N, C-alpha and C. Protein backbone atom coordinates (compact mmCIF):
# COMPACT_ATOMS: atom_id res chain seq x y z
N MET A 1 154.37 34.71 -53.73
CA MET A 1 153.29 35.68 -53.37
C MET A 1 152.52 35.81 -54.83
N ARG A 2 153.29 36.18 -55.87
CA ARG A 2 152.82 36.11 -57.51
C ARG A 2 151.44 35.22 -57.32
N GLU A 3 151.58 33.59 -56.93
CA GLU A 3 151.18 32.83 -57.27
C GLU A 3 150.01 32.13 -56.62
N ALA A 4 150.60 33.23 -55.25
CA ALA A 4 149.63 32.88 -54.31
C ALA A 4 148.34 33.91 -54.27
N LEU A 5 148.56 34.56 -54.66
CA LEU A 5 146.96 35.54 -54.79
C LEU A 5 146.29 35.22 -56.20
N ALA A 6 144.95 36.15 -56.09
CA ALA A 6 144.22 35.18 -56.81
C ALA A 6 144.33 36.57 -58.29
N ASP A 7 143.57 35.47 -59.16
CA ASP A 7 144.59 36.23 -61.05
C ASP A 7 144.25 37.60 -61.01
N ARG A 8 143.26 38.45 -60.34
CA ARG A 8 142.60 39.48 -60.46
C ARG A 8 143.34 40.40 -60.21
N TYR A 9 144.39 40.10 -58.68
CA TYR A 9 145.04 40.89 -57.98
C TYR A 9 146.63 40.85 -58.31
N ARG A 10 146.88 39.70 -59.07
CA ARG A 10 148.65 39.26 -59.14
C ARG A 10 149.36 40.79 -59.83
N ILE A 11 148.53 41.35 -60.77
CA ILE A 11 149.45 42.49 -61.40
C ILE A 11 149.55 43.33 -60.36
N LEU A 12 148.33 43.57 -59.44
CA LEU A 12 149.21 44.82 -57.93
C LEU A 12 150.35 44.44 -57.69
N LEU A 13 151.12 43.04 -57.46
CA LEU A 13 152.31 42.58 -56.72
C LEU A 13 153.24 43.18 -58.34
N VAL A 14 153.42 43.05 -59.21
CA VAL A 14 153.82 43.27 -60.81
C VAL A 14 153.98 44.91 -60.81
N ILE A 15 153.37 45.50 -60.28
CA ILE A 15 153.01 46.98 -60.36
C ILE A 15 154.32 47.47 -58.63
N GLY A 16 153.63 46.55 -57.62
CA GLY A 16 154.35 47.27 -56.72
C GLY A 16 156.24 46.79 -56.98
N ALA A 17 156.30 45.78 -57.53
CA ALA A 17 158.20 45.57 -57.45
C ALA A 17 158.47 46.15 -58.88
N GLY A 18 157.41 46.48 -59.69
CA GLY A 18 158.46 46.40 -61.32
C GLY A 18 158.19 48.20 -61.35
N LEU A 19 157.28 48.72 -60.37
CA LEU A 19 157.75 50.22 -61.06
C LEU A 19 157.47 51.15 -59.35
N GLY A 20 157.49 50.42 -57.99
CA GLY A 20 157.67 51.01 -57.39
C GLY A 20 156.84 51.54 -56.70
N LEU A 21 155.44 51.97 -57.10
CA LEU A 21 154.49 52.23 -56.68
C LEU A 21 153.88 52.14 -55.24
N ARG A 22 153.68 53.18 -54.55
CA ARG A 22 152.60 52.75 -52.99
C ARG A 22 151.62 52.47 -53.50
N GLN A 23 150.48 51.84 -52.39
CA GLN A 23 149.62 50.91 -51.87
C GLN A 23 148.88 51.48 -53.04
N GLY A 24 148.00 52.93 -51.98
CA GLY A 24 147.12 53.71 -52.89
C GLY A 24 147.31 54.16 -54.45
N GLU A 25 148.23 54.10 -54.53
CA GLU A 25 148.67 54.41 -56.02
C GLU A 25 148.27 53.14 -56.65
N ALA A 26 148.51 52.56 -56.97
CA ALA A 26 148.68 50.90 -57.39
C ALA A 26 147.42 50.70 -57.62
N LEU A 27 146.41 50.92 -56.43
CA LEU A 27 145.26 50.69 -56.33
C LEU A 27 143.87 52.02 -57.45
N GLY A 28 144.67 52.74 -57.32
CA GLY A 28 144.48 54.03 -57.89
C GLY A 28 144.93 54.01 -59.53
N LEU A 29 145.96 53.06 -60.13
CA LEU A 29 146.05 53.15 -61.41
C LEU A 29 145.12 52.78 -62.45
N SER A 30 145.27 53.86 -63.29
CA SER A 30 144.07 53.89 -64.55
C SER A 30 144.60 53.03 -65.70
N ALA A 31 143.98 52.33 -66.58
CA ALA A 31 144.68 52.33 -68.00
C ALA A 31 145.06 53.26 -68.60
N ASP A 32 144.37 54.45 -68.63
CA ASP A 32 144.63 55.90 -69.25
C ASP A 32 146.36 56.27 -68.72
N ASP A 33 146.24 55.88 -67.66
CA ASP A 33 148.01 56.37 -67.28
C ASP A 33 148.77 55.55 -67.61
N ILE A 34 148.80 54.95 -68.78
CA ILE A 34 150.12 53.52 -69.34
C ILE A 34 150.39 53.71 -70.41
N ASP A 35 151.29 54.55 -70.93
CA ASP A 35 151.60 54.51 -71.94
C ASP A 35 152.76 53.97 -72.90
N PHE A 36 152.41 53.05 -73.52
CA PHE A 36 152.95 51.63 -73.36
C PHE A 36 154.07 52.13 -74.49
N GLU A 37 153.57 53.22 -75.45
CA GLU A 37 154.47 53.92 -76.83
C GLU A 37 155.47 54.57 -76.77
N LYS A 38 155.55 55.15 -75.01
CA LYS A 38 156.66 56.18 -74.69
C LYS A 38 157.21 55.11 -73.40
N GLU A 39 156.81 54.17 -72.95
CA GLU A 39 156.98 53.27 -71.84
C GLU A 39 157.34 54.23 -70.54
N VAL A 40 155.49 54.48 -70.09
CA VAL A 40 156.25 55.24 -69.03
C VAL A 40 154.78 55.37 -68.22
N VAL A 41 155.33 55.21 -67.31
CA VAL A 41 153.98 55.72 -66.89
C VAL A 41 153.39 56.90 -65.60
N HIS A 42 152.12 57.02 -65.59
CA HIS A 42 152.25 58.81 -65.29
C HIS A 42 151.26 58.49 -63.55
N VAL A 43 151.95 58.31 -63.03
CA VAL A 43 151.45 58.72 -61.07
C VAL A 43 150.62 59.67 -60.72
N ARG A 44 149.44 59.44 -60.77
CA ARG A 44 148.86 61.02 -61.32
C ARG A 44 147.69 60.84 -59.44
N ARG A 45 147.53 59.60 -58.91
CA ARG A 45 146.41 60.02 -57.97
C ARG A 45 146.82 58.51 -56.98
N GLN A 46 146.05 58.34 -55.98
CA GLN A 46 145.77 57.15 -55.20
C GLN A 46 144.80 56.93 -54.78
N VAL A 47 143.98 55.69 -54.18
CA VAL A 47 142.64 55.49 -53.51
C VAL A 47 142.91 55.59 -52.18
N LYS A 48 142.52 56.83 -51.47
CA LYS A 48 142.78 56.39 -50.17
C LYS A 48 141.07 56.64 -48.98
N VAL A 49 141.83 55.81 -47.98
CA VAL A 49 140.76 55.43 -47.17
C VAL A 49 140.50 57.06 -46.04
N VAL A 50 139.33 57.89 -45.85
CA VAL A 50 138.91 58.61 -45.12
C VAL A 50 138.02 58.30 -44.15
N ARG A 51 137.89 58.42 -42.92
CA ARG A 51 137.52 58.02 -42.46
C ARG A 51 136.32 56.85 -42.84
N ALA A 52 136.72 55.43 -43.36
CA ALA A 52 136.50 54.35 -43.82
C ALA A 52 135.79 54.57 -44.63
N LYS A 53 135.62 56.10 -45.13
CA LYS A 53 135.63 55.83 -46.81
C LYS A 53 136.24 56.76 -48.17
N LEU A 54 136.27 55.87 -49.20
CA LEU A 54 137.00 56.08 -50.21
C LEU A 54 137.09 56.83 -50.86
N CYS A 55 138.31 57.79 -51.43
CA CYS A 55 138.11 58.18 -52.49
C CYS A 55 139.36 58.84 -53.28
N PHE A 56 139.65 59.41 -54.19
CA PHE A 56 140.74 59.49 -54.97
C PHE A 56 141.63 60.59 -54.67
N ALA A 57 142.83 60.84 -54.23
CA ALA A 57 143.60 62.26 -53.83
C ALA A 57 144.63 62.19 -54.94
N LEU A 58 145.47 63.05 -54.69
CA LEU A 58 147.24 63.35 -55.38
C LEU A 58 147.47 62.33 -55.10
N PRO A 59 149.14 61.96 -55.19
CA PRO A 59 149.90 60.71 -54.09
C PRO A 59 150.57 61.41 -52.84
N LYS A 60 151.23 60.91 -52.53
CA LYS A 60 152.05 61.44 -51.08
C LYS A 60 152.70 62.24 -51.38
N GLY A 61 152.48 63.20 -50.60
CA GLY A 61 153.21 64.87 -50.96
C GLY A 61 152.81 65.93 -51.84
N ARG A 62 151.17 65.05 -52.72
CA ARG A 62 150.40 66.08 -53.31
C ARG A 62 151.40 66.11 -54.87
N LYS A 63 152.17 65.18 -55.21
CA LYS A 63 153.39 65.41 -56.35
C LYS A 63 153.07 64.37 -57.52
N VAL A 64 152.42 64.79 -59.06
CA VAL A 64 152.17 63.65 -59.63
C VAL A 64 153.73 63.43 -60.24
N ARG A 65 153.75 62.12 -60.87
CA ARG A 65 155.35 61.78 -61.35
C ARG A 65 154.85 60.77 -62.82
N ASP A 66 156.45 60.43 -63.41
CA ASP A 66 156.23 59.55 -64.50
C ASP A 66 157.58 58.91 -64.07
N VAL A 67 157.43 57.42 -64.11
CA VAL A 67 158.01 56.45 -63.45
C VAL A 67 158.30 55.31 -65.15
N PRO A 68 159.51 54.97 -65.32
CA PRO A 68 160.37 54.14 -66.65
C PRO A 68 159.41 52.95 -66.69
N LEU A 69 158.81 52.15 -67.75
CA LEU A 69 157.94 50.98 -68.14
C LEU A 69 158.54 49.91 -68.60
N PRO A 70 159.02 48.85 -67.98
CA PRO A 70 160.40 48.08 -68.58
C PRO A 70 159.07 47.22 -68.96
N ALA A 71 159.45 46.90 -69.94
CA ALA A 71 158.43 45.97 -71.09
C ALA A 71 158.17 44.60 -70.76
N SER A 72 158.38 43.88 -69.47
CA SER A 72 158.18 42.73 -68.52
C SER A 72 157.15 43.39 -68.08
N VAL A 73 157.14 45.12 -67.10
CA VAL A 73 155.81 45.10 -66.92
C VAL A 73 155.34 45.37 -67.68
N ALA A 74 155.38 46.03 -68.91
CA ALA A 74 154.05 46.12 -69.98
C ALA A 74 153.77 44.80 -70.31
N ARG A 75 154.68 43.95 -70.21
CA ARG A 75 153.74 42.65 -71.33
C ARG A 75 152.66 42.38 -69.89
N SER A 76 152.96 42.30 -68.61
CA SER A 76 152.24 41.64 -67.83
C SER A 76 150.57 42.34 -67.73
N ILE A 77 151.03 44.08 -67.62
CA ILE A 77 149.75 44.79 -67.98
C ILE A 77 149.32 44.54 -69.02
N ARG A 78 148.93 44.64 -69.99
CA ARG A 78 148.49 44.25 -71.17
C ARG A 78 147.74 42.60 -71.21
N GLN A 79 148.32 42.15 -70.42
CA GLN A 79 148.24 40.56 -70.64
C GLN A 79 146.83 40.05 -69.32
N HIS A 80 146.72 41.26 -68.06
CA HIS A 80 145.90 41.78 -67.36
C HIS A 80 144.54 42.17 -67.45
N MET A 81 144.86 43.12 -68.46
CA MET A 81 143.81 44.12 -68.88
C MET A 81 143.04 43.02 -70.28
N GLU A 82 143.97 42.13 -70.58
CA GLU A 82 142.80 40.87 -71.46
C GLU A 82 141.89 40.12 -70.74
N GLN A 83 142.64 39.96 -69.69
CA GLN A 83 141.68 39.20 -68.78
C GLN A 83 140.92 40.10 -67.97
N PHE A 84 141.07 41.07 -67.77
CA PHE A 84 140.16 41.70 -66.80
C PHE A 84 140.15 43.27 -67.34
N ALA A 85 138.77 43.34 -67.96
CA ALA A 85 139.25 44.71 -68.64
C ALA A 85 138.73 45.88 -67.58
N PRO A 86 139.56 47.30 -67.85
CA PRO A 86 139.61 48.07 -67.26
C PRO A 86 138.33 48.56 -66.48
N VAL A 87 138.15 48.89 -65.06
CA VAL A 87 136.34 48.98 -64.78
C VAL A 87 136.50 50.58 -64.40
N PRO A 88 135.64 51.36 -65.03
CA PRO A 88 134.88 53.00 -64.75
C PRO A 88 134.83 52.89 -62.77
N VAL A 89 135.06 53.34 -62.65
CA VAL A 89 135.54 53.61 -61.05
C VAL A 89 134.65 55.20 -60.06
N THR A 90 133.81 55.73 -60.33
CA THR A 90 133.69 57.08 -59.55
C THR A 90 133.80 56.95 -58.33
N LEU A 91 134.24 58.13 -57.51
CA LEU A 91 134.53 58.18 -56.43
C LEU A 91 134.79 60.10 -56.20
N PRO A 92 134.53 60.68 -54.99
CA PRO A 92 135.09 61.76 -54.50
C PRO A 92 136.36 62.09 -54.65
N TRP A 93 136.88 63.43 -54.73
CA TRP A 93 138.35 63.68 -54.63
C TRP A 93 138.82 64.70 -53.62
N ASP A 94 139.75 63.72 -53.43
CA ASP A 94 140.33 64.37 -51.58
C ASP A 94 139.89 64.15 -50.70
N ASP A 95 138.12 64.34 -50.50
CA ASP A 95 137.69 63.65 -49.29
C ASP A 95 136.11 63.79 -49.24
N PRO A 96 135.64 62.49 -48.83
CA PRO A 96 134.35 61.75 -48.90
C PRO A 96 133.61 62.23 -48.31
N THR A 97 133.86 63.30 -47.87
CA THR A 97 132.67 63.71 -46.66
C THR A 97 131.63 65.02 -47.09
N PRO A 98 130.81 65.09 -47.10
CA PRO A 98 129.67 66.02 -47.22
C PRO A 98 130.49 67.49 -47.37
N ALA A 99 130.22 68.31 -47.96
CA ALA A 99 131.26 70.10 -48.61
C ALA A 99 130.54 70.81 -47.85
N GLN A 100 130.79 71.95 -46.94
CA GLN A 100 130.21 72.59 -46.65
C GLN A 100 130.30 73.60 -47.54
N THR A 101 130.94 74.17 -48.84
CA THR A 101 130.52 75.29 -49.45
C THR A 101 131.09 75.28 -50.71
N SER A 102 130.86 75.73 -51.47
CA SER A 102 130.61 75.96 -52.46
C SER A 102 132.04 75.53 -53.33
N VAL A 103 132.70 76.15 -53.02
CA VAL A 103 134.57 75.96 -53.19
C VAL A 103 134.71 74.59 -52.64
N GLU A 104 134.28 73.49 -51.50
CA GLU A 104 134.91 72.57 -51.23
C GLU A 104 133.72 71.13 -52.51
N ALA A 105 133.02 71.60 -52.58
CA ALA A 105 131.63 70.86 -53.67
C ALA A 105 132.47 71.29 -54.87
N LYS A 106 133.07 71.95 -55.06
CA LYS A 106 134.03 71.84 -56.85
C LYS A 106 135.12 71.15 -56.45
N HIS A 107 135.80 71.42 -55.53
CA HIS A 107 136.87 70.75 -55.41
C HIS A 107 136.46 69.15 -55.32
N ARG A 108 135.61 68.62 -54.59
CA ARG A 108 135.19 67.23 -53.91
C ARG A 108 134.26 66.66 -55.48
N ARG A 109 134.20 67.46 -56.64
CA ARG A 109 133.37 66.52 -56.90
C ARG A 109 133.38 65.29 -57.53
N PRO A 110 132.64 64.29 -57.91
CA PRO A 110 133.44 63.11 -58.04
C PRO A 110 133.91 63.06 -59.78
N ARG A 111 134.81 62.02 -59.84
CA ARG A 111 135.89 61.84 -61.01
C ARG A 111 135.53 60.60 -61.08
N THR A 112 135.55 60.09 -62.68
CA THR A 112 135.96 58.81 -62.85
C THR A 112 137.41 58.42 -63.62
N TYR A 113 137.69 57.01 -63.48
CA TYR A 113 138.70 56.71 -63.77
C TYR A 113 138.75 55.40 -64.30
N ARG A 114 139.29 54.91 -64.84
CA ARG A 114 139.21 53.13 -66.08
C ARG A 114 139.95 52.39 -64.84
N LEU A 115 139.75 52.24 -63.59
CA LEU A 115 141.23 51.30 -62.58
C LEU A 115 141.31 50.18 -63.59
N LEU A 116 142.77 49.81 -63.46
CA LEU A 116 143.45 48.84 -63.86
C LEU A 116 143.01 47.65 -62.94
N VAL A 117 143.06 47.62 -61.55
CA VAL A 117 142.67 46.84 -60.94
C VAL A 117 141.13 47.10 -60.08
N ALA A 118 140.10 46.20 -59.93
CA ALA A 118 138.93 46.58 -59.17
C ALA A 118 138.67 45.22 -58.14
N GLY A 119 137.77 45.56 -57.12
CA GLY A 119 137.02 44.28 -56.66
C GLY A 119 135.94 43.26 -57.37
N ARG A 120 136.01 42.44 -56.83
CA ARG A 120 134.56 41.54 -57.89
C ARG A 120 133.30 42.13 -57.92
N GLU A 121 132.88 43.65 -57.02
CA GLU A 121 131.78 44.24 -56.98
C GLU A 121 132.53 45.61 -58.26
N ARG A 122 133.49 45.21 -59.07
CA ARG A 122 133.45 46.46 -59.70
C ARG A 122 133.44 47.67 -59.15
N LYS A 123 134.02 47.05 -58.22
CA LYS A 123 134.39 49.03 -57.20
C LYS A 123 135.98 48.72 -56.84
N ALA A 124 136.07 50.51 -56.40
CA ALA A 124 137.60 50.64 -55.89
C ALA A 124 137.80 49.94 -54.55
N ILE A 125 139.40 49.66 -54.74
CA ILE A 125 139.81 48.52 -53.45
C ILE A 125 139.69 48.97 -52.12
N ASN A 126 139.38 48.83 -51.42
CA ASN A 126 139.60 49.48 -49.95
C ASN A 126 140.93 48.49 -49.23
N ARG A 127 141.74 49.81 -49.05
CA ARG A 127 143.15 48.58 -48.34
C ARG A 127 143.31 47.92 -47.60
N ASN A 128 142.94 48.49 -46.43
CA ASN A 128 142.17 47.60 -45.15
C ASN A 128 141.69 46.61 -45.15
N TYR A 129 140.63 46.27 -46.56
CA TYR A 129 139.77 45.20 -46.68
C TYR A 129 140.99 44.19 -47.72
N PHE A 130 142.06 44.35 -48.64
CA PHE A 130 142.79 43.78 -49.47
C PHE A 130 144.13 43.28 -48.62
N ASN A 131 144.31 44.27 -46.93
CA ASN A 131 145.76 43.42 -46.25
C ASN A 131 145.06 42.77 -46.07
N SER A 132 143.81 42.40 -45.26
CA SER A 132 143.30 41.66 -44.14
C SER A 132 142.66 39.98 -45.13
N TYR A 133 142.16 40.50 -46.34
CA TYR A 133 141.72 39.19 -46.75
C TYR A 133 141.99 38.58 -47.87
N VAL A 134 143.10 39.82 -48.19
CA VAL A 134 144.02 39.07 -49.77
C VAL A 134 145.01 39.35 -50.02
N TRP A 135 146.18 40.13 -48.91
CA TRP A 135 147.47 39.71 -48.88
C TRP A 135 147.82 39.38 -47.81
N LYS A 136 147.56 38.90 -46.71
CA LYS A 136 147.89 38.39 -45.67
C LYS A 136 147.78 36.91 -45.90
N PRO A 137 146.59 36.19 -46.29
CA PRO A 137 146.35 34.92 -46.94
C PRO A 137 147.34 34.43 -48.04
N ALA A 138 147.75 35.66 -48.59
CA ALA A 138 148.92 34.79 -49.66
C ALA A 138 150.03 34.93 -48.49
N LEU A 139 150.25 35.97 -48.11
CA LEU A 139 151.24 35.63 -47.48
C LEU A 139 151.56 34.30 -46.57
N ALA A 140 150.40 33.64 -45.87
CA ALA A 140 150.42 32.76 -45.38
C ALA A 140 150.50 31.71 -46.45
N LYS A 141 149.72 31.87 -47.45
CA LYS A 141 149.64 30.89 -48.30
C LYS A 141 151.00 30.29 -49.19
N ALA A 142 152.09 31.67 -49.23
CA ALA A 142 153.26 31.00 -50.00
C ALA A 142 154.91 31.25 -48.62
N GLY A 143 153.61 30.99 -47.38
CA GLY A 143 154.67 30.51 -46.47
C GLY A 143 155.33 31.67 -45.81
N VAL A 144 155.24 32.62 -46.12
CA VAL A 144 156.27 33.70 -45.47
C VAL A 144 155.70 34.20 -44.03
N ILE A 145 154.33 33.76 -43.45
CA ILE A 145 153.72 34.41 -42.59
C ILE A 145 152.80 32.92 -41.93
N ALA A 146 152.82 32.53 -40.53
CA ALA A 146 151.63 31.28 -39.78
C ALA A 146 150.69 31.79 -40.70
N PRO A 147 150.13 30.46 -41.36
CA PRO A 147 148.33 30.55 -41.45
C PRO A 147 147.61 31.40 -40.22
N LEU A 148 146.28 31.28 -40.50
CA LEU A 148 145.62 32.44 -39.51
C LEU A 148 145.12 31.46 -38.49
N ASP A 149 145.41 32.40 -37.18
CA ASP A 149 145.11 31.44 -36.01
C ASP A 149 143.32 32.53 -35.45
N LYS A 150 142.61 31.81 -36.20
CA LYS A 150 141.03 32.07 -35.69
C LYS A 150 140.78 32.30 -33.74
N GLY A 151 142.12 32.10 -33.27
CA GLY A 151 141.56 31.78 -31.59
C GLY A 151 141.42 33.40 -31.08
N GLY A 152 141.18 34.34 -31.61
CA GLY A 152 140.63 36.11 -31.18
C GLY A 152 139.88 35.87 -30.23
N ALA A 153 139.16 36.98 -29.25
CA ALA A 153 138.39 37.26 -28.96
C ALA A 153 137.25 37.43 -30.16
N ASN A 154 136.19 37.09 -29.53
CA ASN A 154 135.29 36.73 -30.56
C ASN A 154 135.19 36.14 -31.62
N GLY A 155 136.30 35.55 -31.98
CA GLY A 155 136.38 34.72 -33.18
C GLY A 155 137.32 35.53 -34.30
N THR A 156 138.08 36.70 -33.38
CA THR A 156 138.27 37.35 -34.58
C THR A 156 139.51 36.62 -35.38
N ARG A 157 140.30 37.42 -36.21
CA ARG A 157 141.15 37.09 -37.50
C ARG A 157 142.17 37.53 -36.04
N VAL A 158 143.05 36.34 -36.36
CA VAL A 158 143.99 36.50 -35.78
C VAL A 158 145.46 36.29 -36.95
N TRP A 159 146.46 37.31 -37.46
CA TRP A 159 147.06 37.04 -38.18
C TRP A 159 148.69 37.61 -37.73
N GLU A 160 149.65 36.41 -38.15
CA GLU A 160 151.18 37.00 -37.92
C GLU A 160 151.64 38.08 -37.36
N PRO A 161 152.40 38.95 -36.76
CA PRO A 161 152.70 40.18 -37.10
C PRO A 161 153.40 40.37 -38.37
N SER A 162 153.31 41.24 -39.05
CA SER A 162 153.35 41.32 -40.94
C SER A 162 153.77 42.48 -41.00
N ARG A 163 154.10 43.52 -40.33
CA ARG A 163 154.50 44.55 -40.95
C ARG A 163 155.89 44.55 -41.98
N GLU A 164 156.88 43.98 -42.17
CA GLU A 164 157.51 43.82 -42.32
C GLU A 164 157.24 43.18 -43.81
N HIS A 165 156.13 42.62 -44.32
CA HIS A 165 155.69 41.88 -45.33
C HIS A 165 154.37 42.81 -46.04
N GLY A 166 154.41 43.57 -46.08
CA GLY A 166 153.25 44.31 -46.62
C GLY A 166 153.36 44.59 -47.80
N PHE A 167 152.47 44.97 -48.40
CA PHE A 167 152.79 46.09 -49.38
C PHE A 167 154.04 46.64 -49.92
N HIS A 168 154.19 47.62 -48.89
CA HIS A 168 154.97 48.46 -49.20
C HIS A 168 156.46 47.99 -49.16
N ALA A 169 156.19 46.52 -48.65
CA ALA A 169 158.40 45.71 -49.18
C ALA A 169 158.24 45.65 -50.71
N LEU A 170 157.50 45.79 -51.06
CA LEU A 170 157.49 45.53 -53.05
C LEU A 170 158.23 46.83 -53.18
N ARG A 171 158.12 47.80 -52.91
CA ARG A 171 158.65 49.10 -52.99
C ARG A 171 160.05 49.13 -52.95
N HIS A 172 160.12 48.33 -51.55
CA HIS A 172 161.25 48.39 -50.72
C HIS A 172 161.94 47.34 -52.25
N PHE A 173 161.80 46.25 -52.70
CA PHE A 173 162.51 45.53 -53.39
C PHE A 173 163.05 46.67 -54.56
N TYR A 174 161.66 47.26 -55.12
CA TYR A 174 162.17 47.94 -56.71
C TYR A 174 163.37 48.87 -56.28
N ALA A 175 162.97 49.63 -55.05
CA ALA A 175 164.22 50.43 -54.55
C ALA A 175 165.93 49.37 -54.75
N SER A 176 165.86 48.45 -53.77
CA SER A 176 166.67 48.13 -53.38
C SER A 176 167.60 47.29 -54.80
N GLU A 177 166.49 46.88 -56.25
CA GLU A 177 166.94 46.21 -57.30
C GLU A 177 167.62 47.43 -58.09
N GLU A 178 166.95 48.53 -58.26
CA GLU A 178 167.45 49.67 -58.87
C GLU A 178 168.84 50.21 -58.70
N LEU A 179 169.08 50.37 -57.36
CA LEU A 179 170.44 50.48 -57.16
C LEU A 179 171.37 49.67 -57.04
N GLU A 180 170.77 48.11 -56.62
CA GLU A 180 171.71 47.21 -57.42
C GLU A 180 172.37 47.06 -58.64
N ALA A 181 171.72 47.54 -59.53
CA ALA A 181 171.81 47.77 -60.92
C ALA A 181 172.66 48.64 -61.33
N GLY A 182 172.98 49.91 -60.46
CA GLY A 182 173.49 50.90 -60.90
C GLY A 182 172.98 52.46 -60.96
N GLU A 183 171.82 52.38 -61.09
CA GLU A 183 170.70 53.30 -61.21
C GLU A 183 171.16 54.30 -60.66
N SER A 184 171.00 55.82 -60.57
CA SER A 184 171.42 56.73 -59.41
C SER A 184 170.31 57.07 -58.97
N VAL A 185 170.79 57.61 -57.35
CA VAL A 185 169.81 58.05 -56.50
C VAL A 185 169.09 59.26 -56.83
N VAL A 186 169.85 59.72 -57.75
CA VAL A 186 168.32 60.91 -57.91
C VAL A 186 167.74 60.66 -58.72
N SER A 187 167.71 59.62 -59.80
CA SER A 187 166.58 59.36 -60.50
C SER A 187 165.74 58.53 -60.05
N LEU A 188 165.78 57.57 -58.77
CA LEU A 188 165.19 56.94 -58.12
C LEU A 188 164.38 57.64 -57.04
N ALA A 189 165.03 58.65 -56.63
CA ALA A 189 164.17 59.81 -55.86
C ALA A 189 163.09 60.42 -56.59
N ARG A 190 163.10 60.42 -57.73
CA ARG A 190 162.01 61.02 -58.62
C ARG A 190 161.44 59.95 -59.08
N TRP A 191 161.38 58.64 -58.96
CA TRP A 191 160.66 57.89 -59.62
C TRP A 191 159.31 56.81 -58.34
N LEU A 192 160.38 57.43 -56.87
CA LEU A 192 159.59 56.89 -56.05
C LEU A 192 158.80 58.29 -55.47
N GLY A 193 159.15 59.37 -55.73
CA GLY A 193 158.41 60.62 -55.47
C GLY A 193 158.83 61.08 -54.15
N HIS A 194 159.76 60.73 -53.99
CA HIS A 194 160.44 61.34 -52.47
C HIS A 194 160.71 62.92 -52.79
N SER A 195 160.79 63.71 -51.87
CA SER A 195 160.91 64.97 -52.00
C SER A 195 162.13 65.43 -52.50
N TYR A 196 163.27 64.54 -51.92
CA TYR A 196 164.29 65.06 -52.52
C TYR A 196 165.29 63.91 -51.95
N PRO A 197 166.51 63.25 -52.98
CA PRO A 197 167.59 63.10 -53.11
C PRO A 197 167.91 62.08 -52.43
N GLY A 198 167.81 63.21 -50.72
CA GLY A 198 168.81 62.91 -49.50
C GLY A 198 168.28 61.74 -49.07
N PHE A 199 166.39 62.05 -48.62
CA PHE A 199 165.73 61.00 -48.21
C PHE A 199 165.96 59.80 -48.64
N THR A 200 166.26 59.25 -49.67
CA THR A 200 166.20 58.54 -50.72
C THR A 200 167.28 57.46 -50.38
N LEU A 201 168.53 58.74 -50.19
CA LEU A 201 170.17 57.22 -49.75
C LEU A 201 170.17 57.50 -48.45
N ARG A 202 169.46 58.22 -47.51
CA ARG A 202 169.53 57.66 -46.24
C ARG A 202 168.60 56.26 -45.79
N LYS A 203 167.40 56.32 -46.77
CA LYS A 203 166.56 55.05 -46.26
C LYS A 203 167.44 53.85 -47.23
N TYR A 204 167.87 53.94 -48.15
CA TYR A 204 168.35 53.03 -49.06
C TYR A 204 169.84 53.03 -49.33
N SER A 205 170.84 53.79 -48.49
CA SER A 205 171.97 53.64 -48.77
C SER A 205 172.81 52.12 -48.17
N HIS A 206 172.25 51.55 -47.73
CA HIS A 206 172.97 49.90 -47.18
C HIS A 206 172.40 49.28 -48.66
N PHE A 207 171.89 49.61 -49.00
CA PHE A 207 171.56 48.48 -50.77
C PHE A 207 172.43 49.44 -51.92
N LEU A 208 173.31 50.21 -51.80
CA LEU A 208 174.49 50.32 -52.73
C LEU A 208 175.17 49.31 -52.80
N PRO A 209 175.92 48.91 -53.99
CA PRO A 209 176.10 48.15 -54.13
C PRO A 209 177.86 48.72 -53.96
N ARG A 210 178.81 48.16 -53.09
CA ARG A 210 179.69 48.27 -52.76
C ARG A 210 180.35 49.82 -53.62
N ALA A 211 180.03 50.58 -52.69
CA ALA A 211 179.70 52.03 -52.82
C ALA A 211 181.80 52.49 -53.10
N GLY A 212 181.15 53.25 -54.01
CA GLY A 212 182.54 53.32 -54.75
C GLY A 212 183.43 52.93 -55.73
N ALA A 213 182.97 51.64 -56.24
CA ALA A 213 183.82 50.74 -56.82
C ALA A 213 183.88 51.51 -58.13
N ARG A 214 182.86 51.67 -58.77
CA ARG A 214 182.85 52.34 -60.13
C ARG A 214 183.85 53.65 -60.38
N GLY A 215 183.87 54.45 -59.14
CA GLY A 215 184.79 55.27 -59.41
C GLY A 215 185.62 55.14 -59.40
N THR A 216 186.18 53.93 -57.89
CA THR A 216 187.95 53.56 -58.17
C THR A 216 188.70 52.92 -59.36
N ALA A 217 187.54 52.02 -60.17
CA ALA A 217 187.77 51.88 -61.44
C ALA A 217 188.09 52.96 -62.25
N ALA A 218 187.00 53.68 -62.51
CA ALA A 218 187.28 55.12 -63.70
C ALA A 218 189.17 55.33 -63.39
N ILE A 219 189.48 55.83 -62.05
CA ILE A 219 190.63 56.37 -61.70
C ILE A 219 191.81 55.35 -62.22
N ASP A 220 191.46 54.15 -62.10
CA ASP A 220 192.07 52.89 -62.33
C ASP A 220 192.72 52.82 -63.81
N ALA A 221 191.25 53.61 -64.67
CA ALA A 221 191.33 53.67 -66.05
C ALA A 221 192.41 54.58 -66.57
N ILE A 222 192.45 55.78 -65.89
CA ILE A 222 193.02 56.80 -66.35
C ILE A 222 194.85 56.71 -65.78
N PHE A 223 195.04 56.01 -64.87
CA PHE A 223 196.46 56.18 -64.52
C PHE A 223 197.18 54.39 -65.22
N ALA A 224 196.19 53.32 -65.82
CA ALA A 224 196.63 52.62 -66.53
C ALA A 224 197.25 53.09 -67.41
């Protein structure tokens, strides 16, 4: 998939699979959110679509969080920034519709962030456009889904159903790899931005490798 994506979008795959960010969070990630020295990424916002218009907003659940930054992901981000400089993008906050009160106007006032990834027009990326015109063509090019069928009504674009292969699959990949490596569910829940570890455990328990293996090894070591 990485090779099938255009150069400017490849870093999104690394962010999704290497940091576990949701799609909107990846699209809203700023260069200023990345602390290379402390090896952490601050997940502070997302790009949200409200009535076909874009705005910045807090991450899902209105919770900001920090995610560890692996050295390999840091290298990819640095390389991307050398090729594509971060783009200052200004959008309303939380709701793009006209404010009705002074309080709403103050809350929704436009904010500017240096986005790590922007479109060719140097604007924030609409996830609906990205999914149809960037992600799905890459899935087809990589052989994950069938090529585009242009035989829809009025010449509309018809893709093979691919919900399980959406951008969110990268987040599942990240979670499964962390659990396979023996990372704790509590830590993973915090990095994913889940409200409580129980949700994470229910969602990803089938990824836990040999549940109880480390515990039994510890007991064996004691009685040995």
